[in-house]
Structure formats: structure tokens, C-alpha cells
Amino acid sequence: MTVVKRFHDCLLPTHAAVQEQYQKVKKLAVIDGFLTRASGYQFYNTSKFTFDLLLADPDNIETNFRDYLAGFSANVQDVLAKFDFDNIIKRMVECNSLYLVIKEFASPKGYLGPDKISAVDCGYIFEDLVKRFSESYDEEAGAHFTSRDIIYLMTDILLSDADLSQAGNVTVYDMAMGTSQMLSCMEERIHDLNEDIEVTCFGQELNPATYAIAKADMMIRGGDPNNMRFGDTLSTDQFMNTGISTYIGSTEKVEIGEYMQGNYNIYAKKPCRIRKCAPIRYFNDADHSLVMQYIHAGSTCVAPQNRHFCV
């Protein structure tokens, strides 16, 4: 529901404009371009409902909420499907909580619009939800995301000697992206160094829920949602040989042995061993000592082009 409310609050300022445009083009064969321009995002919702209008008719809350969800564009439908949202709605209806949940999210404290909640802030929210979900199933949260302080450290080390003085394009790929916060942090750090550089992010993720969060975040940040792919990188790397310049990822997400493909490498969770991959330039002892202060368990690998850093 947090992701749905984030979509809702992003689209709310242009809701009337999208409704007006939809009435003009709804009989056309292709309407996406018209409606994305009206919404200001790469997604839209053609339903007449908002959260406030849903609450105005409590007797028909399920029917109207399903109508609202059906109004989202196809890329959002993919996100909802990965969340298995239909069954979530059924469970809320069975326990008579759907109206109450929507009411809470419609309150001022549930507002998630980008004018109040930045992409970074929303990333923290998603990470906290993933952490709580993992703990409820007696899992380690690190299996699904990497702590933000470690991510910033990784990006700072990776960019420590990068030449970003010239405007251009930088491509970044996280092959086990989780909720894609490594990608958003990398983009943030690059723009801190040179705001004129265009950063294109790519990611692949096996877990349906974290993939859905990553794709939703990419759409809201204005990136290309088609660059977020669902699937197992170990069996089918959907971005192999695409000329991506920078790779960043955590081997905490890799549960099996050493994997090598293309011009980058992912390594086993434990132990982390480097074999048969050249050329390799290790970071110096000072870098290693600094990272060890932050990382106390597991294994993290940063692999920009021909550089590998493993702890």
C-alpha cells in the first residue's frame, strides 16, 4: 500500500489534467504518450477515484479501490502483480481492514508526495519496510538490501578517482539490485560531483517484492522503468554485453558459488574469493581498513570496469 500511495500522491496534482486528456484520447489505439505527458511521469491513472473519493463511499470500498488500481498504466500493473496485490486486498477485505488502511494513508501523516518526501527519503521508508518484513519471517534484512551508510561508502570509494569533470553519460548496473537504493545513491553522488552528467541506471532482481519497489522508484524518479528487469542474473543476465561502464552490487544477495559472465564478476556470499578474473586492481590498505570499520559480516563487492573490491 505504501507504493500505491506514493504513486497516488505523485499523480494527484495532475489528476484532473489526466482525466480530461483521457476523455479526448480513450478511443485511440495508442494513448500512453498523451497520458504520460499529462501526468508528468512515465505512468498515469485514468480512474476517477482518489483516496479521498474512496473514503466518501465506504460501502463500496473494495469495488472502487479495484477500479482505482485498474486505472494505472501497464508499467504500474507490473509492479502491482509482483506484489501479488490482488491477494493482499482479499486479505484486507476478509479482516475488514481495507477502509481503515486507506483512511490512515489518506491522512496528513500518510502523505508521500515528492514535494515533501524525496526519493532518498522514500528509499529509507522502503528499506525500513523490507527490514521489518524480513524480521517478521526470521530472515536477515541484509539478504534484501544493503545499509545506506555502506552504500554511500561503496559509491565514494568507487568514484574516488573517476574523472567526472566533463558532461556526458554514465551507465550504472546493479546485478542484484534489491530495492535499487545502490543505484539511486550512485546517481546522487555522481550529480553531487557534476550535475550536468546524465546517469542511466540498470538493474535486475530476483525477489518479486523488492523488484516491484525498485521499478516503482525508478518510474517516480523519472528513469526508464524498462531498465529494471525481473529475473535471476546468475542464470540469465538480461544486460550482458550492453557496454555498461560501472557495476555496483553486494554479494550478500548471492547465495551460490562463484559466478562469472561478461566483463564483470559476482562472488559467493562466503567465502569471497577472487579467481580467474583479470585485470584486477585492489584498493589500498587504507581503503580496506576504512571499509572494515563499516562492514562486520558478509561480503561486499564493488566492481567498476576492471576494479574489484571485496571484503
Protein backbone atom coordinates (compact mmCIF):
# COMPACT_ATOMS: atom_id res chain seq x y z
CA MET A 1 0.00 0.00 0.00
CA THR A 2 2.95 2.33 0.62
CA VAL A 3 3.99 2.08 -3.04
CA VAL A 4 0.39 2.64 -4.22
CA LYS A 5 0.10 5.75 -2.04
CA ARG A 6 3.42 7.03 -3.36
CA PHE A 7 2.07 6.68 -6.92
CA HIS A 8 -1.19 8.34 -5.86
CA ASP A 9 0.44 11.37 -4.29
CA CYS A 10 2.81 11.87 -7.22
CA LEU A 11 -0.11 11.85 -9.66
CA LEU A 12 -2.55 13.87 -7.56
CA PRO A 13 -1.54 17.36 -8.83
CA THR A 14 -2.19 16.31 -12.44
CA HIS A 15 -5.20 14.07 -11.77
CA ALA A 16 -7.71 16.47 -13.36
CA ALA A 17 -5.50 17.02 -16.42
CA VAL A 18 -5.14 13.28 -16.97
CA GLN A 19 -8.89 12.78 -16.65
CA GLU A 20 -9.52 15.50 -19.22
CA GLN A 21 -6.94 14.13 -21.63
CA TYR A 22 -8.21 10.58 -21.22
CA GLN A 23 -11.69 11.57 -22.32
CA LYS A 24 -10.18 13.02 -25.50
CA VAL A 25 -8.00 10.05 -26.45
CA LYS A 26 -9.62 6.96 -24.87
CA LYS A 27 -10.90 5.70 -28.23
CA LEU A 28 -7.48 5.86 -29.87
CA ALA A 29 -5.38 2.72 -30.35
CA VAL A 30 -2.32 4.19 -28.59
CA ILE A 31 -2.83 6.58 -25.69
CA ASP A 32 0.19 6.19 -23.43
CA GLY A 33 2.14 9.13 -24.82
CA PHE A 34 -0.76 11.55 -24.35
CA LEU A 35 -1.40 10.48 -20.78
CA THR A 36 2.22 10.38 -19.62
CA ARG A 37 2.67 13.94 -20.89
CA ALA A 38 -0.45 14.97 -18.99
CA SER A 39 0.67 13.25 -15.77
CA GLY A 40 4.27 14.46 -15.90
CA TYR A 41 5.54 10.94 -15.20
CA GLN A 42 6.13 7.76 -17.18
CA PHE A 43 2.97 6.33 -15.62
CA TYR A 44 -0.60 7.52 -15.10
CA ASN A 45 -4.00 6.59 -13.69
CA THR A 46 -7.24 7.02 -15.63
CA SER A 47 -9.60 6.18 -12.75
CA LYS A 48 -11.83 8.95 -11.44
CA PHE A 49 -11.05 7.92 -7.87
CA THR A 50 -8.57 9.38 -5.42
CA PHE A 51 -8.06 8.22 -1.86
CA ASP A 52 -10.40 10.94 -0.60
CA LEU A 53 -13.13 9.87 -3.03
CA LEU A 54 -12.67 6.24 -1.99
CA LEU A 55 -13.32 7.16 1.64
CA ALA A 56 -16.51 9.00 0.65
CA ASP A 57 -18.15 5.68 -0.26
CA PRO A 58 -17.25 3.13 2.45
CA ASP A 59 -19.95 0.66 1.39
CA ASN A 60 -18.23 0.13 -1.97
CA ILE A 61 -14.64 0.48 -0.86
CA GLU A 62 -13.39 -2.78 -2.40
CA THR A 63 -15.08 -2.27 -5.78
CA ASN A 64 -13.96 1.33 -6.03
CA PHE A 65 -10.41 0.59 -4.90
CA ARG A 66 -10.09 -2.14 -7.51
CA ASP A 67 -11.37 0.34 -10.09
CA TYR A 68 -8.71 2.78 -8.95
CA LEU A 69 -5.95 0.18 -9.28
CA ALA A 70 -7.21 -0.91 -12.71
CA GLY A 71 -6.78 2.67 -13.91
CA PHE A 72 -2.99 2.56 -13.60
CA SER A 73 -0.82 2.25 -16.69
CA ALA A 74 0.69 -1.09 -17.71
CA ASN A 75 4.08 -0.46 -16.07
CA VAL A 76 2.39 0.08 -12.70
CA GLN A 77 0.25 -3.02 -13.26
CA ASP A 78 3.50 -4.99 -13.47
CA VAL A 79 4.54 -3.58 -10.09
CA LEU A 80 1.20 -4.49 -8.51
CA ALA A 81 1.34 -8.00 -9.95
CA LYS A 82 4.79 -8.60 -8.45
CA PHE A 83 3.40 -7.56 -5.06
CA ASP A 84 0.53 -10.06 -5.52
CA PHE A 85 -1.66 -7.12 -4.58
CA ASP A 86 -4.92 -8.84 -5.50
CA ASN A 87 -4.49 -11.35 -2.70
CA ILE A 88 -3.43 -8.60 -0.31
CA ILE A 89 -6.73 -6.82 -1.00
CA LYS A 90 -8.64 -10.05 -0.41
CA ARG A 91 -6.99 -10.49 2.97
CA MET A 92 -7.76 -6.91 4.00
CA VAL A 93 -11.38 -7.35 2.95
CA GLU A 94 -11.66 -10.60 4.89
CA CYS A 95 -10.45 -8.95 8.07
CA ASN A 96 -12.47 -5.79 7.39
CA SER A 97 -9.41 -3.54 7.35
CA LEU A 98 -9.28 -2.18 3.78
CA TYR A 99 -11.21 1.00 4.60
CA LEU A 100 -9.17 1.62 7.75
CA VAL A 101 -5.87 1.18 5.91
CA ILE A 102 -6.88 3.57 3.13
CA LYS A 103 -8.10 6.04 5.75
CA GLU A 104 -4.73 6.00 7.51
CA PHE A 105 -2.83 6.50 4.27
CA ALA A 106 -5.18 9.33 3.28
CA SER A 107 -4.41 11.23 6.49
CA PRO A 108 -1.79 14.03 6.51
CA LYS A 109 0.77 11.74 8.16
CA GLY A 110 0.38 9.30 5.26
CA TYR A 111 1.21 11.86 2.57
CA LEU A 112 4.07 10.64 0.32
CA GLY A 113 4.21 13.29 -2.39
CA PRO A 114 7.64 14.23 -3.84
CA ASP A 115 7.26 17.82 -2.61
CA LYS A 116 7.51 16.50 0.97
CA ILE A 117 9.15 13.08 0.66
CA SER A 118 12.23 12.95 -1.59
CA ALA A 119 13.35 9.85 -3.49
CA VAL A 120 16.08 9.30 -0.89
CA ASP A 121 13.59 9.63 1.97
CA CYS A 122 11.23 7.21 0.28
CA GLY A 123 14.16 4.83 -0.14
CA TYR A 124 14.66 4.88 3.62
CA ILE A 125 10.96 4.10 4.07
CA PHE A 126 11.13 1.16 1.69
CA GLU A 127 14.28 -0.16 3.36
CA ASP A 128 12.65 0.00 6.79
CA LEU A 129 9.61 -1.89 5.48
CA VAL A 130 11.86 -4.55 3.95
CA LYS A 131 13.74 -4.82 7.23
CA ARG A 132 10.54 -5.28 9.23
CA PHE A 133 9.20 -7.81 6.72
CA SER A 134 12.44 -9.79 6.89
CA GLU A 135 12.49 -9.81 10.67
CA SER A 136 8.89 -10.99 10.81
CA TYR A 137 9.92 -14.07 8.82
CA ASP A 138 13.10 -14.57 10.85
CA GLU A 139 15.31 -13.59 7.90
CA GLU A 140 18.29 -11.28 7.76
CA ALA A 141 17.38 -7.93 6.21
CA GLY A 142 20.80 -7.91 4.51
CA ALA A 143 19.51 -10.62 2.20
CA HIS A 144 17.25 -8.00 0.63
CA PHE A 145 19.04 -4.66 0.97
CA THR A 146 22.36 -3.09 1.96
CA SER A 147 22.53 -0.47 4.70
CA ARG A 148 22.63 3.09 3.36
CA ASP A 149 25.89 4.03 5.14
CA ILE A 150 27.64 1.10 3.45
CA ILE A 151 26.18 2.09 0.08
CA TYR A 152 27.47 5.65 0.35
CA LEU A 153 30.89 4.33 1.35
CA MET A 154 30.93 1.98 -1.64
CA THR A 155 29.95 4.73 -4.07
CA ASP A 156 32.51 7.15 -2.62
CA ILE A 157 35.30 4.59 -2.99
CA LEU A 158 34.18 3.63 -6.48
CA LEU A 159 34.16 7.29 -7.60
CA SER A 160 37.32 8.28 -5.72
CA ASP A 161 39.48 8.53 -8.85
CA ALA A 162 36.78 8.81 -11.52
CA ASP A 163 37.05 11.71 -13.96
CA LEU A 164 33.61 13.32 -13.91
CA SER A 165 34.71 16.78 -14.98
CA GLN A 166 33.13 16.54 -18.42
CA ALA A 167 29.43 16.34 -19.18
CA GLY A 168 28.34 13.10 -20.75
CA ASN A 169 26.61 9.85 -19.91
CA VAL A 170 27.47 7.35 -17.18
CA THR A 171 25.79 3.95 -17.09
CA VAL A 172 25.47 2.07 -13.80
CA TYR A 173 24.29 -1.52 -13.31
CA ASP A 174 23.36 -3.33 -10.11
CA MET A 175 23.03 -7.00 -10.97
CA ALA A 176 21.24 -7.88 -7.71
CA MET A 177 19.60 -4.54 -7.03
CA GLY A 178 17.14 -5.29 -4.23
CA THR A 179 15.12 -2.08 -3.89
CA SER A 180 17.63 -0.24 -6.17
CA GLN A 181 18.94 2.07 -3.47
CA MET A 182 22.54 1.46 -4.58
CA LEU A 183 21.58 2.85 -7.98
CA SER A 184 19.84 5.92 -6.57
CA CYS A 185 22.77 6.63 -4.23
CA MET A 186 25.26 6.28 -7.07
CA GLU A 187 23.22 8.68 -9.19
CA GLU A 188 23.03 11.11 -6.27
CA ARG A 189 26.81 11.01 -5.68
CA ILE A 190 27.64 11.49 -9.37
CA HIS A 191 25.35 14.50 -9.59
CA ASP A 192 26.94 15.93 -6.44
CA LEU A 193 30.24 15.91 -8.35
CA ASN A 194 28.83 17.07 -11.70
CA GLU A 195 25.15 17.86 -12.08
CA ASP A 196 25.47 18.03 -15.87
CA ILE A 197 26.30 14.34 -16.24
CA GLU A 198 23.45 12.11 -17.39
CA VAL A 199 23.24 8.94 -15.32
CA THR A 200 21.42 5.92 -16.76
CA CYS A 201 20.66 3.17 -14.26
CA PHE A 202 20.09 -0.52 -14.96
CA GLY A 203 19.14 -3.24 -12.51
CA GLN A 204 18.00 -6.83 -12.23
CA GLU A 205 16.37 -8.50 -9.23
CA LEU A 206 15.01 -11.96 -8.45
CA ASN A 207 12.76 -11.15 -5.46
CA PRO A 208 9.34 -10.01 -6.79
CA ALA A 209 8.57 -7.54 -3.98
CA THR A 210 11.94 -5.78 -3.98
CA TYR A 211 11.90 -5.70 -7.79
CA ALA A 212 8.49 -4.02 -7.65
CA ILE A 213 9.81 -1.38 -5.23
CA ALA A 214 12.83 -0.77 -7.47
CA LYS A 215 10.73 -0.36 -10.60
CA ALA A 216 8.30 1.95 -8.81
CA ASP A 217 11.17 4.08 -7.51
CA MET A 218 12.70 4.29 -10.99
CA MET A 219 9.42 5.47 -12.53
CA ILE A 220 8.91 8.13 -9.88
CA ARG A 221 12.49 9.40 -10.26
CA GLY A 222 11.91 9.84 -13.99
CA GLY A 223 14.14 6.99 -15.16
CA ASP A 224 13.30 4.35 -17.72
CA PRO A 225 11.35 1.52 -15.99
CA ASN A 226 12.36 -0.82 -18.82
CA ASN A 227 15.89 -0.68 -17.38
CA MET A 228 14.62 -2.54 -14.33
CA ARG A 229 14.39 -6.24 -15.13
CA PHE A 230 12.93 -9.14 -13.18
CA GLY A 231 14.89 -12.37 -13.14
CA ASP A 232 17.88 -14.32 -11.88
CA THR A 233 21.15 -12.73 -13.01
CA LEU A 234 23.01 -15.96 -12.30
CA SER A 235 21.03 -17.90 -14.89
CA THR A 236 20.03 -15.14 -17.32
CA ASP A 237 21.83 -11.81 -17.28
CA GLN A 238 19.50 -9.52 -19.20
CA PHE A 239 22.13 -6.78 -19.58
CA MET A 240 25.08 -8.85 -20.75
CA ASN A 241 27.39 -7.16 -23.29
CA THR A 242 25.49 -3.87 -23.24
CA GLY A 243 28.56 -1.68 -22.74
CA ILE A 244 27.66 -0.57 -19.21
CA SER A 245 30.55 1.34 -17.67
CA THR A 246 30.08 0.83 -13.93
CA TYR A 247 28.91 -2.13 -11.86
CA ILE A 248 27.97 -1.94 -8.23
CA GLY A 249 26.46 -4.64 -6.07
CA SER A 250 26.53 -6.59 -2.85
CA THR A 251 27.39 -10.27 -2.84
CA GLU A 252 25.23 -10.52 0.28
CA LYS A 253 22.47 -11.15 -2.27
CA VAL A 254 24.28 -14.05 -3.97
CA GLU A 255 23.67 -17.37 -2.27
CA ILE A 256 25.60 -19.75 -4.54
CA GLY A 257 29.16 -20.19 -5.75
CA GLU A 258 31.38 -18.01 -7.88
CA TYR A 259 29.71 -16.65 -10.98
CA MET A 260 31.50 -15.17 -13.96
CA GLN A 261 29.98 -13.79 -17.13
CA GLY A 262 30.71 -10.92 -19.49
CA ASN A 263 33.23 -8.40 -18.19
CA TYR A 264 32.23 -8.37 -14.54
CA ASN A 265 32.05 -10.82 -11.68
CA ILE A 266 29.78 -11.68 -8.78
CA TYR A 267 31.19 -13.71 -5.92
CA ALA A 268 29.82 -16.12 -3.38
CA LYS A 269 28.45 -14.77 -0.12
CA LYS A 270 31.00 -16.67 1.98
CA PRO A 271 33.85 -17.01 1.37
CA CYS A 272 34.55 -14.25 -1.13
CA ARG A 273 37.38 -15.47 -3.34
CA ILE A 274 38.79 -13.88 -6.47
CA ARG A 275 39.85 -16.35 -9.12
CA LYS A 276 40.41 -16.27 -12.84
CA CYS A 277 39.39 -12.65 -13.30
CA ALA A 278 41.93 -10.24 -14.72
CA PRO A 279 42.88 -7.49 -14.85
CA ILE A 280 42.25 -6.66 -11.18
CA ARG A 281 43.45 -3.68 -9.19
CA TYR A 282 42.83 -3.88 -5.46
CA PHE A 283 42.13 -0.85 -3.34
CA ASN A 284 44.93 0.06 -0.97
CA ASP A 285 45.20 -0.95 2.70
CA ALA A 286 43.75 2.35 3.90
CA ASP A 287 40.58 1.76 1.84
CA HIS A 288 40.34 -1.78 3.14
CA SER A 289 40.72 -0.65 6.75
CA LEU A 290 38.07 2.04 6.30
CA VAL A 291 35.51 -0.34 4.84
CA MET A 292 36.15 -2.92 7.54
CA GLN A 293 35.03 -0.37 10.10
CA TYR A 294 31.60 -0.38 8.47
CA ILE A 295 31.20 -3.98 7.37
CA HIS A 296 31.24 -6.59 10.11
CA ALA A 297 29.60 -9.55 8.40
CA GLY A 298 29.01 -10.95 4.94
CA SER A 299 30.82 -9.94 1.81
CA THR A 300 30.54 -6.85 -0.33
CA CYS A 301 31.97 -6.48 -3.82
CA VAL A 302 32.35 -3.31 -5.86
CA ALA A 303 33.28 -3.88 -9.50
CA PRO A 304 33.74 -0.80 -11.71
CA GLN A 305 35.07 -1.98 -15.09
CA ASN A 306 38.40 -3.66 -14.22
CA ARG A 307 38.38 -2.87 -10.49
CA HIS A 308 37.20 -5.24 -7.81
CA PHE A 309 36.94 -4.57 -4.12
CA CYS A 310 35.90 -7.40 -1.85
CA VAL A 311 35.65 -7.55 1.93
